[in-house]
């Protein structure tokens, strides 16, 4: 395999290699990243930081109007209680929960903190077009 080390006109060091070798290295890097994610997830589960959802929970999450609605109900909170504990107005909370308003990340962060979940757990998936 031939690897060429050279520099760009601006002096940045670069390496030129066969595409197959690049693809192999990219796959190895992705595998390493996946493994790190798995190890981190297992550590969080073992420490109690993450909770495991059952098949029934996942079905309920899919049926919920939004991930926010699912987690609020799962935590046993009324909309008024969650609004008060997160510092969000009741109107903004219910509009975000039912999908009529897309709130910004500051709102989602406050809600995630109040619910004890990651922000990513609350942000709805993009609609499939």
N, C-alpha and C. Protein backbone atom coordinates (compact mmCIF):
# COMPACT_ATOMS: atom_id res chain seq x y z
N UNK A 1 0.85 -1.16 0.00
CA UNK A 1 0.00 0.00 0.00
C UNK A 1 0.90 1.24 0.00
N UNK A 2 0.55 2.16 -0.85
CA UNK A 2 1.31 3.39 -0.98
C UNK A 2 0.59 4.51 -0.24
N UNK A 3 1.31 5.13 0.68
CA UNK A 3 0.79 6.29 1.40
C UNK A 3 1.73 7.45 1.11
N UNK A 4 1.16 8.57 0.73
CA UNK A 4 1.96 9.74 0.40
C UNK A 4 1.69 10.81 1.44
N UNK A 5 2.77 11.28 2.05
CA UNK A 5 2.67 12.41 2.99
C UNK A 5 3.14 13.65 2.25
N UNK A 6 2.30 14.68 2.31
CA UNK A 6 2.63 15.91 1.59
C UNK A 6 2.03 17.09 2.34
N UNK A 7 2.09 18.24 1.73
CA UNK A 7 1.54 19.45 2.34
C UNK A 7 0.67 20.18 1.33
N UNK A 8 -0.34 20.86 1.87
CA UNK A 8 -1.17 21.72 1.02
C UNK A 8 -0.37 22.98 0.70
N UNK A 9 -0.83 23.78 -0.25
CA UNK A 9 -0.13 25.04 -0.54
C UNK A 9 0.01 25.95 0.68
N UNK A 10 -0.92 25.81 1.64
CA UNK A 10 -0.83 26.66 2.84
C UNK A 10 0.06 26.04 3.91
N UNK A 11 0.61 24.85 3.66
CA UNK A 11 1.55 24.24 4.60
C UNK A 11 0.95 23.21 5.53
N UNK A 12 -0.34 22.90 5.38
CA UNK A 12 -0.99 21.90 6.23
C UNK A 12 -0.55 20.51 5.78
N UNK A 13 -0.14 19.67 6.75
CA UNK A 13 0.26 18.31 6.44
C UNK A 13 -0.95 17.47 6.10
N UNK A 14 -0.85 16.69 5.02
CA UNK A 14 -1.93 15.78 4.62
C UNK A 14 -1.33 14.44 4.22
N UNK A 15 -2.21 13.44 4.18
CA UNK A 15 -1.81 12.09 3.78
C UNK A 15 -2.73 11.66 2.65
N UNK A 16 -2.15 11.09 1.62
CA UNK A 16 -2.92 10.54 0.51
C UNK A 16 -2.77 9.03 0.58
N UNK A 17 -3.92 8.33 0.56
CA UNK A 17 -3.89 6.87 0.68
C UNK A 17 -4.96 6.27 -0.21
N UNK A 18 -4.86 4.99 -0.48
CA UNK A 18 -5.91 4.34 -1.27
C UNK A 18 -7.26 4.44 -0.56
N UNK A 19 -8.32 4.59 -1.35
CA UNK A 19 -9.66 4.74 -0.80
C UNK A 19 -10.06 3.55 0.07
N UNK A 20 -9.69 2.35 -0.34
CA UNK A 20 -10.04 1.15 0.44
C UNK A 20 -9.42 1.22 1.84
N UNK A 21 -8.21 1.71 1.95
CA UNK A 21 -7.56 1.84 3.25
C UNK A 21 -8.26 2.91 4.10
N UNK A 22 -8.62 4.01 3.45
CA UNK A 22 -9.36 5.06 4.16
C UNK A 22 -10.68 4.51 4.69
N UNK A 23 -11.42 3.77 3.86
CA UNK A 23 -12.70 3.19 4.28
C UNK A 23 -12.50 2.22 5.45
N UNK A 24 -11.43 1.42 5.40
CA UNK A 24 -11.14 0.48 6.50
C UNK A 24 -10.88 1.24 7.80
N UNK A 25 -10.09 2.30 7.72
CA UNK A 25 -9.79 3.10 8.92
C UNK A 25 -11.03 3.82 9.43
N UNK A 26 -11.86 4.31 8.53
CA UNK A 26 -13.10 4.98 8.94
C UNK A 26 -14.02 3.99 9.65
N UNK A 27 -14.11 2.76 9.15
CA UNK A 27 -14.95 1.74 9.79
C UNK A 27 -14.42 1.39 11.17
N UNK A 28 -13.10 1.30 11.31
CA UNK A 28 -12.51 1.02 12.62
C UNK A 28 -12.80 2.15 13.60
N UNK A 29 -12.71 3.38 13.14
CA UNK A 29 -13.01 4.53 14.00
C UNK A 29 -14.47 4.52 14.43
N UNK A 30 -15.37 4.17 13.52
CA UNK A 30 -16.79 4.10 13.86
C UNK A 30 -17.04 2.98 14.87
N UNK A 31 -16.39 1.84 14.67
CA UNK A 31 -16.53 0.73 15.62
C UNK A 31 -16.04 1.14 17.01
N UNK A 32 -14.91 1.86 17.06
CA UNK A 32 -14.38 2.31 18.35
C UNK A 32 -15.34 3.28 19.02
N UNK A 33 -15.94 4.17 18.23
CA UNK A 33 -16.91 5.12 18.77
C UNK A 33 -18.13 4.39 19.31
N UNK A 34 -18.63 3.40 18.55
CA UNK A 34 -19.78 2.61 18.99
C UNK A 34 -19.47 1.88 20.29
N UNK A 35 -18.27 1.32 20.38
CA UNK A 35 -17.87 0.61 21.59
C UNK A 35 -17.81 1.56 22.79
N UNK A 36 -17.28 2.76 22.58
CA UNK A 36 -17.22 3.74 23.66
C UNK A 36 -18.62 4.13 24.11
N UNK A 37 -19.53 4.31 23.18
CA UNK A 37 -20.91 4.63 23.52
C UNK A 37 -21.54 3.52 24.34
N UNK A 38 -21.30 2.27 23.93
CA UNK A 38 -21.83 1.12 24.66
C UNK A 38 -21.27 1.06 26.08
N UNK A 39 -19.97 1.24 26.22
CA UNK A 39 -19.34 1.20 27.55
C UNK A 39 -19.89 2.31 28.43
N UNK A 40 -20.03 3.50 27.87
CA UNK A 40 -20.57 4.63 28.63
C UNK A 40 -22.01 4.36 29.05
N UNK A 41 -22.82 3.82 28.13
CA UNK A 41 -24.21 3.50 28.45
C UNK A 41 -24.31 2.45 29.54
N UNK A 42 -23.48 1.43 29.47
CA UNK A 42 -23.50 0.38 30.49
C UNK A 42 -23.08 0.94 31.85
N UNK A 43 -22.11 1.82 31.85
CA UNK A 43 -21.67 2.44 33.11
C UNK A 43 -22.79 3.30 33.70
N UNK A 44 -23.49 4.04 32.85
CA UNK A 44 -24.59 4.87 33.34
C UNK A 44 -25.73 4.02 33.88
N UNK A 45 -26.02 2.91 33.21
CA UNK A 45 -27.06 2.01 33.71
C UNK A 45 -26.66 1.42 35.05
N UNK A 46 -25.41 0.98 35.16
CA UNK A 46 -24.93 0.35 36.39
C UNK A 46 -24.95 1.33 37.55
N UNK A 47 -24.69 2.61 37.27
CA UNK A 47 -24.65 3.62 38.34
C UNK A 47 -26.04 4.16 38.67
N UNK A 48 -27.03 3.78 37.88
CA UNK A 48 -28.39 4.28 38.12
C UNK A 48 -28.67 5.60 37.45
N UNK A 49 -27.72 6.13 36.65
CA UNK A 49 -27.93 7.40 35.97
C UNK A 49 -28.95 7.28 34.84
N UNK A 50 -28.98 6.14 34.18
CA UNK A 50 -29.93 5.90 33.09
C UNK A 50 -30.94 4.87 33.54
N UNK A 51 -32.09 4.93 32.95
CA UNK A 51 -33.08 3.92 33.26
C UNK A 51 -33.40 3.14 32.00
N UNK A 52 -33.67 1.89 32.17
CA UNK A 52 -33.99 1.02 31.05
C UNK A 52 -35.50 1.05 30.82
N UNK A 53 -35.90 1.21 29.58
CA UNK A 53 -37.32 1.20 29.24
C UNK A 53 -37.70 -0.20 28.77
N UNK A 54 -38.83 -0.66 29.26
CA UNK A 54 -39.34 -1.97 28.84
C UNK A 54 -39.99 -1.83 27.46
N UNK A 55 -40.36 -2.96 26.89
CA UNK A 55 -41.06 -2.95 25.60
C UNK A 55 -42.37 -2.16 25.72
N UNK A 56 -43.08 -2.33 26.84
CA UNK A 56 -44.33 -1.59 27.05
C UNK A 56 -44.06 -0.09 27.15
N UNK A 57 -42.95 0.28 27.81
CA UNK A 57 -42.58 1.69 27.90
C UNK A 57 -42.30 2.26 26.51
N UNK A 58 -41.58 1.50 25.69
CA UNK A 58 -41.27 1.96 24.35
C UNK A 58 -42.54 2.11 23.51
N UNK A 59 -43.48 1.20 23.69
CA UNK A 59 -44.77 1.34 22.99
C UNK A 59 -45.49 2.61 23.44
N UNK A 60 -45.46 2.87 24.75
CA UNK A 60 -46.10 4.08 25.27
C UNK A 60 -45.41 5.34 24.75
N UNK A 61 -44.10 5.29 24.64
CA UNK A 61 -43.34 6.42 24.10
C UNK A 61 -43.74 6.68 22.65
N UNK A 62 -43.89 5.63 21.87
CA UNK A 62 -44.28 5.77 20.47
C UNK A 62 -45.71 6.33 20.33
N UNK A 63 -46.59 5.94 21.25
CA UNK A 63 -47.98 6.39 21.19
C UNK A 63 -48.17 7.80 21.74
N UNK A 64 -47.27 8.26 22.57
CA UNK A 64 -47.41 9.57 23.21
C UNK A 64 -47.38 10.68 22.16
N UNK A 65 -48.08 11.77 22.43
CA UNK A 65 -48.08 12.89 21.48
C UNK A 65 -46.68 13.47 21.25
N UNK A 66 -45.81 13.32 22.25
CA UNK A 66 -44.43 13.80 22.14
C UNK A 66 -43.61 13.08 23.21
N UNK A 67 -42.28 13.06 23.04
CA UNK A 67 -41.44 12.48 24.09
C UNK A 67 -41.64 13.21 25.43
N UNK A 68 -41.84 14.52 25.37
CA UNK A 68 -42.08 15.29 26.59
C UNK A 68 -43.31 14.78 27.31
N UNK A 69 -44.39 14.53 26.59
CA UNK A 69 -45.62 14.02 27.20
C UNK A 69 -45.37 12.67 27.87
N UNK A 70 -44.63 11.80 27.19
CA UNK A 70 -44.31 10.48 27.75
C UNK A 70 -43.56 10.63 29.07
N UNK A 71 -42.48 11.42 29.09
CA UNK A 71 -41.65 11.53 30.30
C UNK A 71 -42.39 12.23 31.43
N UNK A 72 -43.24 13.19 31.12
CA UNK A 72 -44.00 13.86 32.18
C UNK A 72 -44.92 12.85 32.86
N UNK A 73 -45.64 12.06 32.07
CA UNK A 73 -46.54 11.05 32.63
C UNK A 73 -45.74 9.99 33.37
N UNK A 74 -44.62 9.56 32.79
CA UNK A 74 -43.78 8.53 33.44
C UNK A 74 -43.30 9.00 34.82
N UNK A 75 -43.03 10.29 34.94
CA UNK A 75 -42.56 10.83 36.22
C UNK A 75 -43.73 11.14 37.17
N UNK A 76 -44.96 10.94 36.71
CA UNK A 76 -46.11 11.14 37.57
C UNK A 76 -46.41 12.60 37.86
N UNK A 77 -46.08 13.47 36.91
CA UNK A 77 -46.29 14.90 37.12
C UNK A 77 -47.46 15.40 36.27
N UNK A 78 -48.20 16.33 36.82
CA UNK A 78 -49.20 17.02 36.01
C UNK A 78 -48.46 18.09 35.20
N UNK A 79 -49.13 18.60 34.17
CA UNK A 79 -48.53 19.66 33.37
C UNK A 79 -48.24 20.89 34.24
N UNK A 80 -49.14 21.20 35.16
CA UNK A 80 -48.95 22.36 36.04
C UNK A 80 -47.73 22.16 36.94
N UNK A 81 -47.56 20.94 37.46
CA UNK A 81 -46.41 20.66 38.33
C UNK A 81 -45.09 20.79 37.56
N UNK A 82 -45.06 20.23 36.34
CA UNK A 82 -43.83 20.31 35.54
C UNK A 82 -43.54 21.75 35.13
N UNK A 83 -44.57 22.49 34.76
CA UNK A 83 -44.38 23.89 34.40
C UNK A 83 -43.77 24.67 35.58
N UNK A 84 -44.32 24.46 36.76
CA UNK A 84 -43.81 25.16 37.94
C UNK A 84 -42.38 24.75 38.28
N UNK A 85 -42.09 23.44 38.22
CA UNK A 85 -40.75 22.99 38.62
C UNK A 85 -39.68 23.34 37.60
N UNK A 86 -40.08 23.58 36.35
CA UNK A 86 -39.10 23.91 35.33
C UNK A 86 -39.02 25.40 35.03
N UNK A 87 -39.95 26.18 35.60
CA UNK A 87 -39.95 27.62 35.35
C UNK A 87 -40.49 27.99 33.99
N UNK A 88 -41.25 27.08 33.39
CA UNK A 88 -41.84 27.31 32.07
C UNK A 88 -43.32 27.64 32.28
N UNK A 89 -43.86 28.52 31.46
CA UNK A 89 -45.29 28.81 31.62
C UNK A 89 -46.10 27.57 31.24
N UNK A 90 -47.25 27.44 31.86
CA UNK A 90 -48.13 26.31 31.58
C UNK A 90 -48.49 26.27 30.09
N UNK A 91 -48.78 27.45 29.51
CA UNK A 91 -49.15 27.52 28.09
C UNK A 91 -48.01 27.04 27.19
N UNK A 92 -46.78 27.47 27.51
CA UNK A 92 -45.64 27.03 26.71
C UNK A 92 -45.41 25.53 26.85
N UNK A 93 -45.56 25.03 28.06
CA UNK A 93 -45.37 23.60 28.29
C UNK A 93 -46.38 22.78 27.49
N UNK A 94 -47.66 23.13 27.60
CA UNK A 94 -48.67 22.33 26.91
C UNK A 94 -48.54 22.45 25.39
N UNK A 95 -48.18 23.62 24.89
CA UNK A 95 -47.98 23.79 23.44
C UNK A 95 -46.77 22.99 22.96
N UNK A 96 -45.72 22.95 23.76
CA UNK A 96 -44.54 22.16 23.41
C UNK A 96 -44.87 20.68 23.47
N UNK A 97 -45.61 20.29 24.50
CA UNK A 97 -45.96 18.88 24.68
C UNK A 97 -46.86 18.37 23.57
N UNK A 98 -47.80 19.18 23.12
CA UNK A 98 -48.71 18.68 22.07
C UNK A 98 -48.21 18.96 20.66
N UNK A 99 -47.04 19.60 20.55
CA UNK A 99 -46.42 19.79 19.24
C UNK A 99 -46.87 21.01 18.48
N UNK A 100 -47.67 21.87 19.10
CA UNK A 100 -48.12 23.07 18.38
C UNK A 100 -47.08 24.18 18.46
N UNK A 101 -46.07 24.00 19.29
CA UNK A 101 -44.98 24.97 19.40
C UNK A 101 -43.67 24.22 19.52
N UNK A 102 -42.66 24.68 18.77
CA UNK A 102 -41.32 24.10 18.92
C UNK A 102 -40.52 25.06 19.80
N UNK A 103 -40.26 24.62 21.01
CA UNK A 103 -39.53 25.46 21.94
C UNK A 103 -38.03 25.42 21.65
N UNK A 104 -37.33 26.39 22.21
CA UNK A 104 -35.88 26.42 22.00
C UNK A 104 -35.17 25.51 23.01
N UNK A 105 -33.88 25.38 22.85
CA UNK A 105 -33.11 24.46 23.68
C UNK A 105 -33.06 24.89 25.14
N UNK A 106 -33.21 26.17 25.43
CA UNK A 106 -33.23 26.62 26.82
C UNK A 106 -34.44 26.02 27.53
N UNK A 107 -35.58 26.01 26.86
CA UNK A 107 -36.80 25.44 27.42
C UNK A 107 -36.63 23.93 27.59
N UNK A 108 -36.13 23.26 26.53
CA UNK A 108 -35.93 21.82 26.63
C UNK A 108 -34.93 21.45 27.73
N UNK A 109 -33.90 22.27 27.93
CA UNK A 109 -32.92 22.00 28.99
C UNK A 109 -33.60 22.11 30.36
N UNK A 110 -34.42 23.13 30.57
CA UNK A 110 -35.11 23.29 31.85
C UNK A 110 -36.06 22.12 32.10
N UNK A 111 -36.77 21.70 31.06
CA UNK A 111 -37.68 20.57 31.19
C UNK A 111 -36.92 19.27 31.46
N UNK A 112 -35.81 19.06 30.75
CA UNK A 112 -35.00 17.86 30.95
C UNK A 112 -34.47 17.80 32.37
N UNK A 113 -33.99 18.93 32.87
CA UNK A 113 -33.48 18.97 34.25
C UNK A 113 -34.58 18.63 35.25
N UNK A 114 -35.77 19.18 35.03
CA UNK A 114 -36.88 18.93 35.94
C UNK A 114 -37.34 17.47 35.90
N UNK A 115 -37.21 16.85 34.73
CA UNK A 115 -37.64 15.45 34.58
C UNK A 115 -36.52 14.44 34.85
N UNK A 116 -35.29 14.93 34.96
CA UNK A 116 -34.16 14.02 35.20
C UNK A 116 -33.82 13.17 33.99
N UNK A 117 -33.93 13.77 32.79
CA UNK A 117 -33.58 13.07 31.55
C UNK A 117 -32.63 13.94 30.73
N UNK A 118 -32.06 13.36 29.68
CA UNK A 118 -31.23 14.13 28.76
C UNK A 118 -32.12 14.95 27.84
N UNK A 119 -31.64 16.09 27.40
CA UNK A 119 -32.38 16.92 26.47
C UNK A 119 -32.78 16.11 25.23
N UNK A 120 -31.86 15.27 24.76
CA UNK A 120 -32.13 14.47 23.57
C UNK A 120 -33.35 13.56 23.74
N UNK A 121 -33.66 13.21 24.99
CA UNK A 121 -34.83 12.37 25.25
C UNK A 121 -36.15 13.10 25.05
N UNK A 122 -36.10 14.42 25.02
CA UNK A 122 -37.33 15.22 24.92
C UNK A 122 -37.59 15.80 23.54
N UNK A 123 -36.54 16.01 22.78
CA UNK A 123 -36.69 16.67 21.48
C UNK A 123 -37.37 15.69 20.51
N UNK A 124 -38.49 16.12 19.92
CA UNK A 124 -39.18 15.21 19.00
C UNK A 124 -38.35 14.95 17.75
N UNK A 125 -38.56 13.79 17.15
CA UNK A 125 -37.88 13.44 15.92
C UNK A 125 -38.40 14.32 14.79
N UNK A 126 -37.55 14.57 13.82
CA UNK A 126 -37.97 15.34 12.65
C UNK A 126 -39.00 14.52 11.89
N UNK A 127 -40.00 15.20 11.34
CA UNK A 127 -41.01 14.46 10.58
C UNK A 127 -40.41 13.83 9.33
N UNK A 128 -40.89 12.67 8.98
CA UNK A 128 -40.43 11.99 7.78
C UNK A 128 -41.17 12.55 6.59
N UNK A 129 -40.43 12.98 5.60
CA UNK A 129 -41.04 13.62 4.42
C UNK A 129 -41.07 12.62 3.28
